[in-house]
Amino acid sequence: QMNSLEFEDTAVYHCAATPLPTYSADRYNYWGQGT
């Protein structure tokens, strides 16, 4: 849920999954197509 959206929020948003929590994008194993 995204509220108070700002211009800087403009992007392709991807859902992703990984076995352990991480902030690093390259550690995610599975990705959606993006929206």
ModelCIF file with pLDDT and N, C-alpha, C, O atoms, coordinates in Angstrom:
data_MODEL
#
_entry.id   MODEL 
#
_entity.id                         1 
_entity.type                       polymer 
_entity.pdbx_number_of_molecules   1 
#
_entity_poly.entity_id                      1 
_entity_poly.type                           'polypeptide(L)' 
_entity_poly.nstd_linkage                   no 
_entity_poly.nstd_monomer                   no 
_entity_poly.pdbx_seq_one_letter_code       QMNSLEFEDTAVYHCAATPLPTYSADRYNYWGQGT 
_entity_poly.pdbx_seq_one_letter_code_can   QMNSLEFEDTAVYHCAATPLPTYSADRYNYWGQGT 
_entity_poly.pdbx_strand_id                 A 
#
loop_
_entity_poly_seq.entity_id 
_entity_poly_seq.num 
_entity_poly_seq.mon_id 
_entity_poly_seq.hetero 
1 1  GLN n 
1 2  MET n 
1 3  ASN n 
1 4  SER n 
1 5  LEU n 
1 6  GLU n 
1 7  PHE n 
1 8  GLU n 
1 9  ASP n 
1 10 THR n 
1 11 ALA n 
1 12 VAL n 
1 13 TYR n 
1 14 HIS n 
1 15 CYS n 
1 16 ALA n 
1 17 ALA n 
1 18 THR n 
1 19 PRO n 
1 20 LEU n 
1 21 PRO n 
1 22 THR n 
1 23 TYR n 
1 24 SER n 
1 25 ALA n 
1 26 ASP n 
1 27 ARG n 
1 28 TYR n 
1 29 ASN n 
1 30 TYR n 
1 31 TRP n 
1 32 GLY n 
1 33 GLN n 
1 34 GLY n 
1 35 THR n 
#
_struct_asym.id          A 
_struct_asym.entity_id   1 
#
loop_
_ma_qa_metric.id 
_ma_qa_metric.mode 
_ma_qa_metric.name 
_ma_qa_metric.software_group_id 
_ma_qa_metric.type 
1 global pLDDT . pLDDT 
2 local  pLDDT . pLDDT 
#
_ma_qa_metric_global.metric_id      1 
_ma_qa_metric_global.metric_value   95.89 
_ma_qa_metric_global.model_id       1 
_ma_qa_metric_global.ordinal_id     1 
#
loop_
_ma_qa_metric_local.label_asym_id 
_ma_qa_metric_local.label_comp_id 
_ma_qa_metric_local.label_seq_id 
_ma_qa_metric_local.metric_id 
_ma_qa_metric_local.metric_value 
_ma_qa_metric_local.model_id 
_ma_qa_metric_local.ordinal_id 
A GLN 1  2 98.00 1 1  
A MET 2  2 98.00 1 2  
A ASN 3  2 98.00 1 3  
A SER 4  2 98.00 1 4  
A LEU 5  2 98.00 1 5  
A GLU 6  2 97.00 1 6  
A PHE 7  2 97.00 1 7  
A GLU 8  2 96.00 1 8  
A ASP 9  2 98.00 1 9  
A THR 10 2 98.00 1 10 
A ALA 11 2 98.00 1 11 
A VAL 12 2 98.00 1 12 
A TYR 13 2 98.00 1 13 
A HIS 14 2 98.00 1 14 
A CYS 15 2 97.00 1 15 
A ALA 16 2 97.00 1 16 
A ALA 17 2 95.00 1 17 
A THR 18 2 94.00 1 18 
A PRO 19 2 91.00 1 19 
A LEU 20 2 91.00 1 20 
A PRO 21 2 92.00 1 21 
A THR 22 2 94.00 1 22 
A TYR 23 2 94.00 1 23 
A SER 24 2 95.00 1 24 
A ALA 25 2 94.00 1 25 
A ASP 26 2 94.00 1 26 
A ARG 27 2 95.00 1 27 
A TYR 28 2 95.00 1 28 
A ASN 29 2 92.00 1 29 
A TYR 30 2 94.00 1 30 
A TRP 31 2 96.00 1 31 
A GLY 32 2 97.00 1 32 
A GLN 33 2 96.00 1 33 
A GLY 34 2 97.00 1 34 
A THR 35 2 98.00 1 35 
#
loop_
_atom_site.group_PDB 
_atom_site.id 
_atom_site.type_symbol 
_atom_site.label_atom_id 
_atom_site.label_alt_id 
_atom_site.label_comp_id 
_atom_site.label_asym_id 
_atom_site.label_entity_id 
_atom_site.label_seq_id 
_atom_site.pdbx_PDB_ins_code 
_atom_site.Cartn_x 
_atom_site.Cartn_y 
_atom_site.Cartn_z 
_atom_site.occupancy 
_atom_site.B_iso_or_equiv 
_atom_site.pdbx_formal_charge 
_atom_site.auth_seq_id 
_atom_site.auth_comp_id 
_atom_site.auth_asym_id 
_atom_site.auth_atom_id 
_atom_site.pdbx_PDB_model_num 
ATOM 1   N N  . GLN A 1 1  ? 0.853  -1.178  0.000   1.00 98.00 ? 1  GLN A N  1 
ATOM 2   C CA . GLN A 1 1  ? 0.000  0.000   0.000   1.00 98.00 ? 1  GLN A CA 1 
ATOM 3   C C  . GLN A 1 1  ? 0.888  1.227   0.000   1.00 98.00 ? 1  GLN A C  1 
ATOM 4   O O  . GLN A 1 1  ? 1.689  1.417   0.915   1.00 98.00 ? 1  GLN A O  1 
ATOM 5   N N  . MET A 1 2  ? 0.754  2.057   -1.013  1.00 98.00 ? 2  MET A N  1 
ATOM 6   C CA . MET A 1 2  ? 1.594  3.226   -1.173  1.00 98.00 ? 2  MET A CA 1 
ATOM 7   C C  . MET A 1 2  ? 0.736  4.473   -1.038  1.00 98.00 ? 2  MET A C  1 
ATOM 8   O O  . MET A 1 2  ? -0.170 4.708   -1.839  1.00 98.00 ? 2  MET A O  1 
ATOM 9   N N  . ASN A 1 3  ? 1.025  5.258   -0.032  1.00 98.00 ? 3  ASN A N  1 
ATOM 10  C CA . ASN A 1 3  ? 0.318  6.507   0.209   1.00 98.00 ? 3  ASN A CA 1 
ATOM 11  C C  . ASN A 1 3  ? 1.280  7.678   0.086   1.00 98.00 ? 3  ASN A C  1 
ATOM 12  O O  . ASN A 1 3  ? 2.498  7.508   0.123   1.00 98.00 ? 3  ASN A O  1 
ATOM 13  N N  . SER A 1 4  ? 0.716  8.861   -0.060  1.00 98.00 ? 4  SER A N  1 
ATOM 14  C CA . SER A 1 4  ? 1.516  10.085  -0.180  1.00 98.00 ? 4  SER A CA 1 
ATOM 15  C C  . SER A 1 4  ? 2.617  9.921   -1.212  1.00 98.00 ? 4  SER A C  1 
ATOM 16  O O  . SER A 1 4  ? 3.777  10.244  -0.960  1.00 98.00 ? 4  SER A O  1 
ATOM 17  N N  . LEU A 1 5  ? 2.244  9.421   -2.362  1.00 98.00 ? 5  LEU A N  1 
ATOM 18  C CA . LEU A 1 5  ? 3.231  9.148   -3.404  1.00 98.00 ? 5  LEU A CA 1 
ATOM 19  C C  . LEU A 1 5  ? 3.916  10.425  -3.878  1.00 98.00 ? 5  LEU A C  1 
ATOM 20  O O  . LEU A 1 5  ? 3.300  11.487  -3.970  1.00 98.00 ? 5  LEU A O  1 
ATOM 21  N N  . GLU A 1 6  ? 5.183  10.292  -4.172  1.00 97.00 ? 6  GLU A N  1 
ATOM 22  C CA . GLU A 1 6  ? 6.005  11.388  -4.639  1.00 97.00 ? 6  GLU A CA 1 
ATOM 23  C C  . GLU A 1 6  ? 6.536  11.074  -6.026  1.00 97.00 ? 6  GLU A C  1 
ATOM 24  O O  . GLU A 1 6  ? 6.585  9.914   -6.435  1.00 97.00 ? 6  GLU A O  1 
ATOM 25  N N  . PHE A 1 7  ? 6.934  12.116  -6.747  1.00 97.00 ? 7  PHE A N  1 
ATOM 26  C CA . PHE A 1 7  ? 7.480  11.916  -8.074  1.00 97.00 ? 7  PHE A CA 1 
ATOM 27  C C  . PHE A 1 7  ? 8.655  10.946  -8.047  1.00 97.00 ? 7  PHE A C  1 
ATOM 28  O O  . PHE A 1 7  ? 8.837  10.156  -8.973  1.00 97.00 ? 7  PHE A O  1 
ATOM 29  N N  . GLU A 1 8  ? 9.443  11.008  -6.993  1.00 96.00 ? 8  GLU A N  1 
ATOM 30  C CA . GLU A 1 8  ? 10.618 10.159  -6.862  1.00 96.00 ? 8  GLU A CA 1 
ATOM 31  C C  . GLU A 1 8  ? 10.282 8.689   -6.672  1.00 96.00 ? 8  GLU A C  1 
ATOM 32  O O  . GLU A 1 8  ? 11.170 7.840   -6.751  1.00 96.00 ? 8  GLU A O  1 
ATOM 33  N N  . ASP A 1 9  ? 9.017  8.374   -6.424  1.00 98.00 ? 9  ASP A N  1 
ATOM 34  C CA . ASP A 1 9  ? 8.596  6.986   -6.315  1.00 98.00 ? 9  ASP A CA 1 
ATOM 35  C C  . ASP A 1 9  ? 8.386  6.330   -7.678  1.00 98.00 ? 9  ASP A C  1 
ATOM 36  O O  . ASP A 1 9  ? 8.177  5.119   -7.756  1.00 98.00 ? 9  ASP A O  1 
ATOM 37  N N  . THR A 1 10 ? 8.439  7.100   -8.728  1.00 98.00 ? 10 THR A N  1 
ATOM 38  C CA . THR A 1 10 ? 8.248  6.569   -10.071 1.00 98.00 ? 10 THR A CA 1 
ATOM 39  C C  . THR A 1 10 ? 9.308  5.520   -10.385 1.00 98.00 ? 10 THR A C  1 
ATOM 40  O O  . THR A 1 10 ? 10.506 5.793   -10.305 1.00 98.00 ? 10 THR A O  1 
ATOM 41  N N  . ALA A 1 11 ? 8.861  4.323   -10.740 1.00 98.00 ? 11 ALA A N  1 
ATOM 42  C CA . ALA A 1 11 ? 9.775  3.219   -11.011 1.00 98.00 ? 11 ALA A CA 1 
ATOM 43  C C  . ALA A 1 11 ? 8.974  2.003   -11.445 1.00 98.00 ? 11 ALA A C  1 
ATOM 44  O O  . ALA A 1 11 ? 7.747  1.977   -11.349 1.00 98.00 ? 11 ALA A O  1 
ATOM 45  N N  . VAL A 1 12 ? 9.690  1.001   -11.922 1.00 98.00 ? 12 VAL A N  1 
ATOM 46  C CA . VAL A 1 12 ? 9.101  -0.315  -12.095 1.00 98.00 ? 12 VAL A CA 1 
ATOM 47  C C  . VAL A 1 12 ? 9.250  -1.046  -10.771 1.00 98.00 ? 12 VAL A C  1 
ATOM 48  O O  . VAL A 1 12 ? 10.355 -1.176  -10.245 1.00 98.00 ? 12 VAL A O  1 
ATOM 49  N N  . TYR A 1 13 ? 8.151  -1.514  -10.246 1.00 98.00 ? 13 TYR A N  1 
ATOM 50  C CA . TYR A 1 13 ? 8.156  -2.212  -8.968  1.00 98.00 ? 13 TYR A CA 1 
ATOM 51  C C  . TYR A 1 13 ? 8.081  -3.707  -9.201  1.00 98.00 ? 13 TYR A C  1 
ATOM 52  O O  . TYR A 1 13 ? 7.207  -4.195  -9.917  1.00 98.00 ? 13 TYR A O  1 
ATOM 53  N N  . HIS A 1 14 ? 9.012  -4.429  -8.586  1.00 98.00 ? 14 HIS A N  1 
ATOM 54  C CA . HIS A 1 14 ? 9.082  -5.877  -8.722  1.00 98.00 ? 14 HIS A CA 1 
ATOM 55  C C  . HIS A 1 14 ? 8.815  -6.544  -7.386  1.00 98.00 ? 14 HIS A C  1 
ATOM 56  O O  . HIS A 1 14 ? 9.291  -6.089  -6.346  1.00 98.00 ? 14 HIS A O  1 
ATOM 57  N N  . CYS A 1 15 ? 8.062  -7.610  -7.420  1.00 97.00 ? 15 CYS A N  1 
ATOM 58  C CA . CYS A 1 15 ? 7.953  -8.513  -6.297  1.00 97.00 ? 15 CYS A CA 1 
ATOM 59  C C  . CYS A 1 15 ? 9.086  -9.523  -6.399  1.00 97.00 ? 15 CYS A C  1 
ATOM 60  O O  . CYS A 1 15 ? 9.411  -9.985  -7.493  1.00 97.00 ? 15 CYS A O  1 
ATOM 61  N N  . ALA A 1 16 ? 9.690  -9.868  -5.264  1.00 97.00 ? 16 ALA A N  1 
ATOM 62  C CA . ALA A 1 16 ? 10.816 -10.790 -5.268  1.00 97.00 ? 16 ALA A CA 1 
ATOM 63  C C  . ALA A 1 16 ? 10.818 -11.636 -4.006  1.00 97.00 ? 16 ALA A C  1 
ATOM 64  O O  . ALA A 1 16 ? 10.187 -11.288 -3.008  1.00 97.00 ? 16 ALA A O  1 
ATOM 65  N N  . ALA A 1 17 ? 11.533 -12.749 -4.063  1.00 95.00 ? 17 ALA A N  1 
ATOM 66  C CA . ALA A 1 17 ? 11.590 -13.664 -2.927  1.00 95.00 ? 17 ALA A CA 1 
ATOM 67  C C  . ALA A 1 17 ? 12.996 -14.211 -2.749  1.00 95.00 ? 17 ALA A C  1 
ATOM 68  O O  . ALA A 1 17 ? 13.733 -14.405 -3.715  1.00 95.00 ? 17 ALA A O  1 
ATOM 69  N N  . THR A 1 18 ? 13.352 -14.457 -1.491  1.00 94.00 ? 18 THR A N  1 
ATOM 70  C CA . THR A 1 18 ? 14.652 -15.015 -1.142  1.00 94.00 ? 18 THR A CA 1 
ATOM 71  C C  . THR A 1 18 ? 14.508 -15.803 0.155   1.00 94.00 ? 18 THR A C  1 
ATOM 72  O O  . THR A 1 18 ? 13.623 -15.498 0.955   1.00 94.00 ? 18 THR A O  1 
ATOM 73  N N  . PRO A 1 19 ? 15.347 -16.801 0.384   1.00 91.00 ? 19 PRO A N  1 
ATOM 74  C CA . PRO A 1 19 ? 15.207 -17.592 1.619   1.00 91.00 ? 19 PRO A CA 1 
ATOM 75  C C  . PRO A 1 19 ? 15.406 -16.798 2.906   1.00 91.00 ? 19 PRO A C  1 
ATOM 76  O O  . PRO A 1 19 ? 14.766 -17.091 3.916   1.00 91.00 ? 19 PRO A O  1 
ATOM 77  N N  . LEU A 1 20 ? 16.294 -15.788 2.882   1.00 91.00 ? 20 LEU A N  1 
ATOM 78  C CA . LEU A 1 20 ? 16.594 -15.007 4.070   1.00 91.00 ? 20 LEU A CA 1 
ATOM 79  C C  . LEU A 1 20 ? 16.439 -13.525 3.796   1.00 91.00 ? 20 LEU A C  1 
ATOM 80  O O  . LEU A 1 20 ? 16.679 -13.083 2.673   1.00 91.00 ? 20 LEU A O  1 
ATOM 81  N N  . PRO A 1 21 ? 16.040 -12.737 4.805   1.00 92.00 ? 21 PRO A N  1 
ATOM 82  C CA . PRO A 1 21 ? 15.879 -11.296 4.594   1.00 92.00 ? 21 PRO A CA 1 
ATOM 83  C C  . PRO A 1 21 ? 17.165 -10.634 4.129   1.00 92.00 ? 21 PRO A C  1 
ATOM 84  O O  . PRO A 1 21 ? 18.248 -10.933 4.632   1.00 92.00 ? 21 PRO A O  1 
ATOM 85  N N  . THR A 1 22 ? 17.037 -9.737  3.170   1.00 94.00 ? 22 THR A N  1 
ATOM 86  C CA . THR A 1 22 ? 18.179 -9.003  2.665   1.00 94.00 ? 22 THR A CA 1 
ATOM 87  C C  . THR A 1 22 ? 17.714 -7.738  1.963   1.00 94.00 ? 22 THR A C  1 
ATOM 88  O O  . THR A 1 22 ? 16.627 -7.694  1.388   1.00 94.00 ? 22 THR A O  1 
ATOM 89  N N  . TYR A 1 23 ? 18.557 -6.705  2.020   1.00 94.00 ? 23 TYR A N  1 
ATOM 90  C CA . TYR A 1 23 ? 18.302 -5.480  1.280   1.00 94.00 ? 23 TYR A CA 1 
ATOM 91  C C  . TYR A 1 23 ? 18.965 -5.494  -0.093  1.00 94.00 ? 23 TYR A C  1 
ATOM 92  O O  . TYR A 1 23 ? 18.734 -4.595  -0.901  1.00 94.00 ? 23 TYR A O  1 
ATOM 93  N N  . SER A 1 24 ? 19.779 -6.497  -0.359  1.00 95.00 ? 24 SER A N  1 
ATOM 94  C CA . SER A 1 24 ? 20.558 -6.563  -1.584  1.00 95.00 ? 24 SER A CA 1 
ATOM 95  C C  . SER A 1 24 ? 19.757 -7.205  -2.703  1.00 95.00 ? 24 SER A C  1 
ATOM 96  O O  . SER A 1 24 ? 19.327 -8.353  -2.592  1.00 95.00 ? 24 SER A O  1 
ATOM 97  N N  . ALA A 1 25 ? 19.561 -6.458  -3.778  1.00 94.00 ? 25 ALA A N  1 
ATOM 98  C CA . ALA A 1 25 ? 18.751 -6.947  -4.884  1.00 94.00 ? 25 ALA A CA 1 
ATOM 99  C C  . ALA A 1 25 ? 19.337 -8.202  -5.520  1.00 94.00 ? 25 ALA A C  1 
ATOM 100 O O  . ALA A 1 25 ? 18.592 -9.050  -6.010  1.00 94.00 ? 25 ALA A O  1 
ATOM 101 N N  . ASP A 1 26 ? 20.651 -8.330  -5.519  1.00 94.00 ? 26 ASP A N  1 
ATOM 102 C CA . ASP A 1 26 ? 21.279 -9.470  -6.171  1.00 94.00 ? 26 ASP A CA 1 
ATOM 103 C C  . ASP A 1 26 ? 21.188 -10.752 -5.365  1.00 94.00 ? 26 ASP A C  1 
ATOM 104 O O  . ASP A 1 26 ? 21.666 -11.792 -5.819  1.00 94.00 ? 26 ASP A O  1 
ATOM 105 N N  . ARG A 1 27 ? 20.595 -10.710 -4.194  1.00 95.00 ? 27 ARG A N  1 
ATOM 106 C CA . ARG A 1 27 ? 20.434 -11.902 -3.370  1.00 95.00 ? 27 ARG A CA 1 
ATOM 107 C C  . ARG A 1 27 ? 19.054 -12.539 -3.536  1.00 95.00 ? 27 ARG A C  1 
ATOM 108 O O  . ARG A 1 27 ? 18.787 -13.587 -2.949  1.00 95.00 ? 27 ARG A O  1 
ATOM 109 N N  . TYR A 1 28 ? 18.192 -11.933 -4.311  1.00 95.00 ? 28 TYR A N  1 
ATOM 110 C CA . TYR A 1 28 ? 16.852 -12.474 -4.488  1.00 95.00 ? 28 TYR A CA 1 
ATOM 111 C C  . TYR A 1 28 ? 16.841 -13.531 -5.577  1.00 95.00 ? 28 TYR A C  1 
ATOM 112 O O  . TYR A 1 28 ? 17.435 -13.350 -6.640  1.00 95.00 ? 28 TYR A O  1 
ATOM 113 N N  . ASN A 1 29 ? 16.165 -14.627 -5.303  1.00 92.00 ? 29 ASN A N  1 
ATOM 114 C CA . ASN A 1 29 ? 16.155 -15.780 -6.189  1.00 92.00 ? 29 ASN A CA 1 
ATOM 115 C C  . ASN A 1 29 ? 15.055 -15.727 -7.242  1.00 92.00 ? 29 ASN A C  1 
ATOM 116 O O  . ASN A 1 29 ? 15.239 -16.198 -8.364  1.00 92.00 ? 29 ASN A O  1 
ATOM 117 N N  . TYR A 1 30 ? 13.928 -15.160 -6.882  1.00 94.00 ? 30 TYR A N  1 
ATOM 118 C CA . TYR A 1 30 ? 12.769 -15.164 -7.757  1.00 94.00 ? 30 TYR A CA 1 
ATOM 119 C C  . TYR A 1 30 ? 12.231 -13.760 -7.917  1.00 94.00 ? 30 TYR A C  1 
ATOM 120 O O  . TYR A 1 30 ? 12.243 -12.963 -6.979  1.00 94.00 ? 30 TYR A O  1 
ATOM 121 N N  . TRP A 1 31 ? 11.759 -13.466 -9.120  1.00 96.00 ? 31 TRP A N  1 
ATOM 122 C CA . TRP A 1 31 ? 11.277 -12.139 -9.469  1.00 96.00 ? 31 TRP A CA 1 
ATOM 123 C C  . TRP A 1 31 ? 9.990  -12.210 -10.266 1.00 96.00 ? 31 TRP A C  1 
ATOM 124 O O  . TRP A 1 31 ? 9.805  -13.098 -11.099 1.00 96.00 ? 31 TRP A O  1 
ATOM 125 N N  . GLY A 1 32 ? 9.108  -11.267 -10.001 1.00 97.00 ? 32 GLY A N  1 
ATOM 126 C CA . GLY A 1 32 ? 7.958  -11.079 -10.859 1.00 97.00 ? 32 GLY A CA 1 
ATOM 127 C C  . GLY A 1 32 ? 8.338  -10.252 -12.065 1.00 97.00 ? 32 GLY A C  1 
ATOM 128 O O  . GLY A 1 32 ? 9.481  -9.814  -12.193 1.00 97.00 ? 32 GLY A O  1 
ATOM 129 N N  . GLN A 1 33 ? 7.385  -10.041 -12.943 1.00 96.00 ? 33 GLN A N  1 
ATOM 130 C CA . GLN A 1 33 ? 7.668  -9.345  -14.205 1.00 96.00 ? 33 GLN A CA 1 
ATOM 131 C C  . GLN A 1 33 ? 7.772  -7.836  -14.045 1.00 96.00 ? 33 GLN A C  1 
ATOM 132 O O  . GLN A 1 33 ? 8.312  -7.159  -14.919 1.00 96.00 ? 33 GLN A O  1 
ATOM 133 N N  . GLY A 1 34 ? 7.273  -7.311  -12.960 1.00 97.00 ? 34 GLY A N  1 
ATOM 134 C CA . GLY A 1 34 ? 7.314  -5.886  -12.710 1.00 97.00 ? 34 GLY A CA 1 
ATOM 135 C C  . GLY A 1 34 ? 6.035  -5.179  -13.103 1.00 97.00 ? 34 GLY A C  1 
ATOM 136 O O  . GLY A 1 34 ? 5.349  -5.585  -14.041 1.00 97.00 ? 34 GLY A O  1 
ATOM 137 N N  . THR A 1 35 ? 5.720  -4.116  -12.378 1.00 98.00 ? 35 THR A N  1 
ATOM 138 C CA . THR A 1 35 ? 4.572  -3.287  -12.695 1.00 98.00 ? 35 THR A CA 1 
ATOM 139 C C  . THR A 1 35 ? 4.984  -1.824  -12.574 1.00 98.00 ? 35 THR A C  1 
ATOM 140 O O  . THR A 1 35 ? 4.167  -0.931  -12.798 1.00 98.00 ? 35 THR A O  1 
#
